[in-house]
């Protein structure tokens, strides 16, 4: 591999973590507050459980605080969401509209295994 992409591996990982957390937290704001648009028609227990996990977990992953635990919880939520909503409709995610849940599940699982990396509260706390 050329040295250019490899030289910025830590920065691109941090950007992936930050953007993933940022995008995920908006699912929680949608469920809990109807912002930026009204929530989808889902049972109230989904809003009560998934909304806070998405909002708080996404925020923690984005800022890099307790990243491993937050990402692991978000990964589990997305695995559960995939199988409860999408998995039994059709065999492939492209058919059952579960691509986003599957992708979030595995990205959060990777973040959980990798940790917060640079540009995170966890890194700042360990340096102090």
N, C-alpha and C. Protein backbone atom coordinates (compact mmCIF):
# COMPACT_ATOMS: atom_id res chain seq x y z
N UNK A 1 0.85 -1.17 0.00
CA UNK A 1 0.00 0.00 0.00
C UNK A 1 0.89 1.24 0.00
N UNK A 2 0.50 2.27 -0.74
CA UNK A 2 1.28 3.50 -0.73
C UNK A 2 1.32 4.10 0.68
N UNK A 3 2.39 4.81 0.99
CA UNK A 3 2.53 5.35 2.35
C UNK A 3 1.49 6.41 2.72
N UNK A 4 0.90 7.09 1.73
CA UNK A 4 -0.04 8.17 2.05
C UNK A 4 -1.23 7.69 2.88
N UNK A 5 -2.02 6.68 2.45
CA UNK A 5 -3.17 6.29 3.28
C UNK A 5 -2.74 5.71 4.63
N UNK A 6 -1.65 4.99 4.63
CA UNK A 6 -1.19 4.36 5.86
C UNK A 6 -0.72 5.40 6.88
N UNK A 7 -0.19 6.49 6.40
CA UNK A 7 0.30 7.54 7.30
C UNK A 7 -0.83 8.21 8.07
N UNK A 8 -2.04 8.13 7.57
CA UNK A 8 -3.18 8.79 8.20
C UNK A 8 -4.20 7.79 8.75
N UNK A 9 -3.75 6.60 9.07
CA UNK A 9 -4.66 5.57 9.57
C UNK A 9 -5.32 5.98 10.88
N UNK A 10 -4.58 6.56 11.79
CA UNK A 10 -5.16 6.97 13.07
C UNK A 10 -6.19 8.08 12.90
N UNK A 11 -5.90 9.01 12.02
CA UNK A 11 -6.82 10.12 11.80
C UNK A 11 -8.10 9.64 11.11
N UNK A 12 -7.97 8.76 10.12
CA UNK A 12 -9.17 8.28 9.44
C UNK A 12 -10.02 7.40 10.35
N UNK A 13 -9.38 6.63 11.23
CA UNK A 13 -10.15 5.86 12.22
C UNK A 13 -10.91 6.80 13.15
N UNK A 14 -10.24 7.85 13.63
CA UNK A 14 -10.90 8.81 14.52
C UNK A 14 -12.07 9.48 13.81
N UNK A 15 -11.89 9.85 12.56
CA UNK A 15 -12.98 10.45 11.80
C UNK A 15 -14.14 9.48 11.64
N UNK A 16 -13.84 8.19 11.38
CA UNK A 16 -14.91 7.20 11.25
C UNK A 16 -15.68 7.09 12.56
N UNK A 17 -14.97 7.05 13.68
CA UNK A 17 -15.61 6.95 15.00
C UNK A 17 -16.48 8.16 15.26
N UNK A 18 -15.96 9.34 14.99
CA UNK A 18 -16.69 10.59 15.25
C UNK A 18 -17.94 10.68 14.37
N UNK A 19 -17.79 10.44 13.10
CA UNK A 19 -18.93 10.54 12.17
C UNK A 19 -19.97 9.47 12.46
N UNK A 20 -19.54 8.25 12.76
CA UNK A 20 -20.50 7.19 13.09
C UNK A 20 -21.30 7.55 14.33
N UNK A 21 -20.64 8.00 15.37
CA UNK A 21 -21.34 8.41 16.58
C UNK A 21 -22.29 9.56 16.31
N UNK A 22 -21.84 10.55 15.53
CA UNK A 22 -22.67 11.70 15.20
C UNK A 22 -23.93 11.28 14.45
N UNK A 23 -23.77 10.44 13.45
CA UNK A 23 -24.94 9.99 12.68
C UNK A 23 -25.88 9.16 13.55
N UNK A 24 -25.34 8.34 14.42
CA UNK A 24 -26.15 7.45 15.25
C UNK A 24 -26.95 8.22 16.30
N UNK A 25 -26.37 9.25 16.87
CA UNK A 25 -27.08 9.99 17.92
C UNK A 25 -28.35 10.64 17.38
N UNK A 26 -28.39 10.97 16.09
CA UNK A 26 -29.58 11.58 15.52
C UNK A 26 -30.75 10.61 15.44
N UNK A 27 -30.47 9.32 15.39
CA UNK A 27 -31.56 8.33 15.47
C UNK A 27 -32.23 8.44 16.84
N UNK A 28 -31.43 8.66 17.87
CA UNK A 28 -31.97 8.82 19.21
C UNK A 28 -32.76 10.11 19.38
N UNK A 29 -32.25 11.21 18.83
CA UNK A 29 -33.00 12.47 18.94
C UNK A 29 -34.32 12.38 18.18
N UNK A 30 -34.32 11.65 17.08
CA UNK A 30 -35.55 11.47 16.33
C UNK A 30 -36.58 10.70 17.15
N UNK A 31 -36.14 9.61 17.78
CA UNK A 31 -37.06 8.80 18.57
C UNK A 31 -37.54 9.52 19.83
N UNK A 32 -36.65 10.21 20.50
CA UNK A 32 -36.98 10.83 21.79
C UNK A 32 -37.65 12.20 21.67
N UNK A 33 -37.21 13.00 20.70
CA UNK A 33 -37.67 14.39 20.63
C UNK A 33 -38.36 14.76 19.32
N UNK A 34 -38.39 13.84 18.35
CA UNK A 34 -38.98 14.17 17.06
C UNK A 34 -38.16 15.17 16.26
N UNK A 35 -36.87 15.23 16.54
CA UNK A 35 -35.96 16.16 15.86
C UNK A 35 -34.92 15.35 15.13
N UNK A 36 -34.59 15.60 13.91
CA UNK A 36 -35.02 16.66 13.03
C UNK A 36 -36.33 16.35 12.28
N UNK A 37 -36.89 15.16 12.47
CA UNK A 37 -38.17 14.81 11.85
C UNK A 37 -38.91 13.85 12.77
N UNK A 38 -40.20 13.70 12.58
CA UNK A 38 -40.96 12.82 13.47
C UNK A 38 -40.44 11.39 13.42
N UNK A 39 -40.52 10.68 14.55
CA UNK A 39 -40.04 9.30 14.57
C UNK A 39 -40.93 8.38 13.75
N UNK A 40 -40.38 7.27 13.29
CA UNK A 40 -41.21 6.29 12.58
C UNK A 40 -42.21 5.65 13.55
N UNK A 41 -43.20 5.02 13.01
CA UNK A 41 -44.19 4.34 13.83
C UNK A 41 -43.57 3.06 14.39
N UNK A 42 -43.17 3.12 15.63
CA UNK A 42 -42.58 1.96 16.31
C UNK A 42 -43.23 1.84 17.68
N UNK A 43 -43.22 0.65 18.26
CA UNK A 43 -43.80 0.50 19.61
C UNK A 43 -43.08 1.40 20.62
N UNK A 44 -43.80 1.80 21.66
CA UNK A 44 -43.25 2.72 22.65
C UNK A 44 -42.05 2.14 23.39
N UNK A 45 -42.02 0.80 23.58
CA UNK A 45 -40.86 0.22 24.26
C UNK A 45 -39.60 0.37 23.43
N UNK A 46 -39.74 0.40 22.10
CA UNK A 46 -38.57 0.62 21.24
C UNK A 46 -38.04 2.03 21.45
N UNK A 47 -38.93 2.99 21.52
CA UNK A 47 -38.52 4.37 21.76
C UNK A 47 -37.87 4.49 23.13
N UNK A 48 -38.45 3.83 24.14
CA UNK A 48 -37.94 3.94 25.51
C UNK A 48 -36.58 3.27 25.68
N UNK A 49 -36.32 2.22 24.94
CA UNK A 49 -35.05 1.50 25.07
C UNK A 49 -34.03 1.99 24.05
N UNK A 50 -34.41 1.99 22.79
CA UNK A 50 -33.45 2.31 21.72
C UNK A 50 -33.09 3.79 21.70
N UNK A 51 -34.05 4.66 21.95
CA UNK A 51 -33.79 6.10 21.88
C UNK A 51 -32.64 6.55 22.77
N UNK A 52 -32.67 6.24 24.08
CA UNK A 52 -31.56 6.65 24.93
C UNK A 52 -30.23 5.99 24.57
N UNK A 53 -30.26 4.73 24.17
CA UNK A 53 -29.01 4.06 23.78
C UNK A 53 -28.43 4.74 22.56
N UNK A 54 -29.28 5.08 21.60
CA UNK A 54 -28.79 5.74 20.39
C UNK A 54 -28.26 7.13 20.69
N UNK A 55 -28.99 7.89 21.48
CA UNK A 55 -28.57 9.26 21.79
C UNK A 55 -27.32 9.28 22.66
N UNK A 56 -27.35 8.59 23.78
CA UNK A 56 -26.22 8.62 24.71
C UNK A 56 -25.04 7.83 24.16
N UNK A 57 -25.32 6.63 23.63
CA UNK A 57 -24.24 5.82 23.06
C UNK A 57 -23.57 6.50 21.88
N UNK A 58 -24.37 7.09 20.99
CA UNK A 58 -23.80 7.81 19.85
C UNK A 58 -22.94 8.98 20.28
N UNK A 59 -23.42 9.71 21.30
CA UNK A 59 -22.65 10.85 21.81
C UNK A 59 -21.34 10.38 22.44
N UNK A 60 -21.40 9.31 23.25
CA UNK A 60 -20.17 8.81 23.88
C UNK A 60 -19.17 8.31 22.84
N UNK A 61 -19.64 7.61 21.82
CA UNK A 61 -18.73 7.15 20.77
C UNK A 61 -18.16 8.35 20.02
N UNK A 62 -18.98 9.33 19.72
CA UNK A 62 -18.52 10.49 18.97
C UNK A 62 -17.41 11.23 19.72
N UNK A 63 -17.61 11.47 21.02
CA UNK A 63 -16.59 12.22 21.77
C UNK A 63 -15.47 11.32 22.27
N UNK A 64 -15.68 10.00 22.19
CA UNK A 64 -14.64 9.07 22.60
C UNK A 64 -14.54 8.90 24.11
N UNK A 65 -15.66 8.82 24.79
CA UNK A 65 -15.69 8.62 26.23
C UNK A 65 -16.34 7.27 26.52
N UNK A 66 -15.65 6.42 27.30
CA UNK A 66 -16.12 5.05 27.55
C UNK A 66 -16.47 4.36 26.23
N UNK A 67 -15.61 4.56 25.26
CA UNK A 67 -15.89 4.19 23.88
C UNK A 67 -16.14 2.70 23.70
N UNK A 68 -15.31 1.87 24.30
CA UNK A 68 -15.47 0.42 24.09
C UNK A 68 -16.83 -0.06 24.57
N UNK A 69 -17.23 0.35 25.78
CA UNK A 69 -18.51 -0.09 26.32
C UNK A 69 -19.69 0.50 25.55
N UNK A 70 -19.61 1.77 25.23
CA UNK A 70 -20.70 2.41 24.49
C UNK A 70 -20.87 1.78 23.11
N UNK A 71 -19.77 1.56 22.42
CA UNK A 71 -19.84 0.96 21.09
C UNK A 71 -20.34 -0.48 21.15
N UNK A 72 -19.94 -1.20 22.18
CA UNK A 72 -20.41 -2.59 22.33
C UNK A 72 -21.92 -2.62 22.55
N UNK A 73 -22.43 -1.73 23.38
CA UNK A 73 -23.87 -1.64 23.62
C UNK A 73 -24.61 -1.25 22.34
N UNK A 74 -24.08 -0.28 21.61
CA UNK A 74 -24.71 0.14 20.35
C UNK A 74 -24.68 -0.99 19.32
N UNK A 75 -23.60 -1.75 19.28
CA UNK A 75 -23.51 -2.89 18.37
C UNK A 75 -24.58 -3.93 18.70
N UNK A 76 -24.74 -4.22 19.97
CA UNK A 76 -25.77 -5.17 20.38
C UNK A 76 -27.16 -4.68 20.05
N UNK A 77 -27.41 -3.40 20.25
CA UNK A 77 -28.72 -2.83 19.91
C UNK A 77 -29.00 -3.00 18.42
N UNK A 78 -28.00 -2.76 17.60
CA UNK A 78 -28.20 -2.87 16.16
C UNK A 78 -28.36 -4.32 15.71
N UNK A 79 -27.67 -5.25 16.37
CA UNK A 79 -27.88 -6.66 16.06
C UNK A 79 -29.31 -7.06 16.41
N UNK A 80 -29.76 -6.63 17.58
CA UNK A 80 -31.13 -6.92 18.01
C UNK A 80 -32.13 -6.29 17.04
N UNK A 81 -31.90 -5.03 16.65
CA UNK A 81 -32.80 -4.35 15.72
C UNK A 81 -32.85 -5.07 14.38
N UNK A 82 -31.69 -5.52 13.91
CA UNK A 82 -31.67 -6.22 12.63
C UNK A 82 -32.55 -7.45 12.68
N UNK A 83 -32.38 -8.28 13.69
CA UNK A 83 -33.13 -9.52 13.75
C UNK A 83 -34.60 -9.32 14.10
N UNK A 84 -34.92 -8.31 14.88
CA UNK A 84 -36.32 -8.08 15.23
C UNK A 84 -37.11 -7.42 14.11
N UNK A 85 -36.47 -6.55 13.35
CA UNK A 85 -37.20 -5.79 12.34
C UNK A 85 -36.98 -6.32 10.94
N UNK A 86 -35.74 -6.66 10.60
CA UNK A 86 -35.40 -6.95 9.22
C UNK A 86 -35.12 -8.43 8.93
N UNK A 87 -34.48 -9.11 9.82
CA UNK A 87 -33.89 -10.41 9.55
C UNK A 87 -34.83 -11.50 9.10
N UNK A 88 -36.07 -11.43 9.51
CA UNK A 88 -37.01 -12.50 9.15
C UNK A 88 -37.88 -12.15 7.95
N UNK A 89 -37.67 -10.98 7.38
CA UNK A 89 -38.46 -10.58 6.21
C UNK A 89 -37.93 -11.19 4.92
N UNK A 90 -36.62 -11.26 4.79
CA UNK A 90 -35.97 -11.80 3.60
C UNK A 90 -34.55 -12.17 4.00
N UNK A 91 -33.89 -13.04 3.24
CA UNK A 91 -32.57 -13.52 3.68
C UNK A 91 -31.42 -12.52 3.59
N UNK A 92 -31.48 -11.57 2.67
CA UNK A 92 -30.35 -10.65 2.47
C UNK A 92 -30.70 -9.24 2.91
N UNK A 93 -29.74 -8.52 3.49
CA UNK A 93 -30.01 -7.14 3.91
C UNK A 93 -30.49 -6.23 2.79
N UNK A 94 -30.03 -6.45 1.57
CA UNK A 94 -30.49 -5.63 0.44
C UNK A 94 -31.98 -5.86 0.19
N UNK A 95 -32.47 -7.03 0.54
CA UNK A 95 -33.89 -7.35 0.34
C UNK A 95 -34.75 -6.90 1.51
N UNK A 96 -34.23 -6.99 2.72
CA UNK A 96 -35.05 -6.71 3.90
C UNK A 96 -34.84 -5.31 4.46
N UNK A 97 -34.10 -4.45 3.76
CA UNK A 97 -33.85 -3.06 4.15
C UNK A 97 -33.08 -2.96 5.47
N UNK A 98 -32.29 -3.97 5.79
CA UNK A 98 -31.55 -3.97 7.03
C UNK A 98 -30.09 -3.61 6.90
N UNK A 99 -29.71 -3.03 5.78
CA UNK A 99 -28.30 -2.71 5.55
C UNK A 99 -27.74 -1.75 6.59
N UNK A 100 -28.48 -0.71 6.93
CA UNK A 100 -27.98 0.27 7.89
C UNK A 100 -27.79 -0.35 9.26
N UNK A 101 -28.74 -1.16 9.70
CA UNK A 101 -28.60 -1.81 11.01
C UNK A 101 -27.41 -2.76 11.02
N UNK A 102 -27.23 -3.53 9.94
CA UNK A 102 -26.10 -4.46 9.88
C UNK A 102 -24.77 -3.71 9.84
N UNK A 103 -24.72 -2.64 9.08
CA UNK A 103 -23.49 -1.86 8.99
C UNK A 103 -23.15 -1.21 10.32
N UNK A 104 -24.12 -0.57 10.96
CA UNK A 104 -23.89 0.01 12.28
C UNK A 104 -23.42 -1.06 13.26
N UNK A 105 -24.04 -2.24 13.22
CA UNK A 105 -23.67 -3.31 14.14
C UNK A 105 -22.19 -3.64 14.03
N UNK A 106 -21.69 -3.82 12.83
CA UNK A 106 -20.31 -4.24 12.66
C UNK A 106 -19.32 -3.08 12.80
N UNK A 107 -19.72 -1.87 12.45
CA UNK A 107 -18.83 -0.72 12.68
C UNK A 107 -18.66 -0.50 14.18
N UNK A 108 -19.78 -0.56 14.93
CA UNK A 108 -19.67 -0.40 16.38
C UNK A 108 -18.90 -1.56 17.01
N UNK A 109 -19.04 -2.75 16.48
CA UNK A 109 -18.26 -3.88 17.01
C UNK A 109 -16.77 -3.64 16.79
N UNK A 110 -16.41 -3.12 15.62
CA UNK A 110 -15.01 -2.80 15.35
C UNK A 110 -14.51 -1.69 16.29
N UNK A 111 -15.31 -0.64 16.47
CA UNK A 111 -14.92 0.44 17.37
C UNK A 111 -14.74 -0.10 18.79
N UNK A 112 -15.62 -1.00 19.20
CA UNK A 112 -15.51 -1.60 20.53
C UNK A 112 -14.20 -2.37 20.69
N UNK A 113 -13.81 -3.08 19.66
CA UNK A 113 -12.57 -3.85 19.72
C UNK A 113 -11.33 -2.95 19.62
N UNK A 114 -11.41 -1.90 18.85
CA UNK A 114 -10.26 -1.02 18.60
C UNK A 114 -10.06 0.01 19.70
N UNK A 115 -11.13 0.50 20.27
CA UNK A 115 -11.02 1.55 21.29
C UNK A 115 -11.22 2.93 20.70
N UNK A 116 -10.98 3.93 21.51
CA UNK A 116 -11.31 5.30 21.09
C UNK A 116 -10.28 5.91 20.15
N UNK A 117 -9.04 5.57 20.28
CA UNK A 117 -8.01 6.14 19.41
C UNK A 117 -7.73 7.59 19.74
N UNK A 118 -7.17 8.30 18.78
CA UNK A 118 -6.82 9.70 18.98
C UNK A 118 -8.07 10.56 18.92
N UNK A 119 -7.93 11.82 19.28
CA UNK A 119 -9.01 12.80 19.26
C UNK A 119 -10.20 12.34 20.08
N UNK A 120 -9.95 11.85 21.28
CA UNK A 120 -11.01 11.34 22.13
C UNK A 120 -10.80 11.77 23.57
N UNK A 121 -11.88 11.78 24.31
CA UNK A 121 -11.80 12.08 25.73
C UNK A 121 -11.02 10.98 26.44
N UNK A 122 -11.22 9.73 26.04
CA UNK A 122 -10.47 8.62 26.65
C UNK A 122 -8.96 8.84 26.50
N UNK A 123 -8.52 9.25 25.32
CA UNK A 123 -7.08 9.48 25.10
C UNK A 123 -6.60 10.66 25.95
N UNK A 124 -7.40 11.69 26.04
CA UNK A 124 -7.01 12.85 26.85
C UNK A 124 -6.94 12.48 28.34
N UNK A 125 -7.85 11.65 28.79
CA UNK A 125 -7.86 11.23 30.20
C UNK A 125 -6.66 10.34 30.50
N UNK A 126 -6.27 9.47 29.57
CA UNK A 126 -5.14 8.59 29.83
C UNK A 126 -3.81 9.34 29.77
N UNK A 127 -3.77 10.46 29.03
CA UNK A 127 -2.55 11.25 28.92
C UNK A 127 -2.34 12.13 30.15
N UNK A 128 -3.41 12.41 30.86
CA UNK A 128 -3.30 13.33 32.01
C UNK A 128 -2.74 12.64 33.23
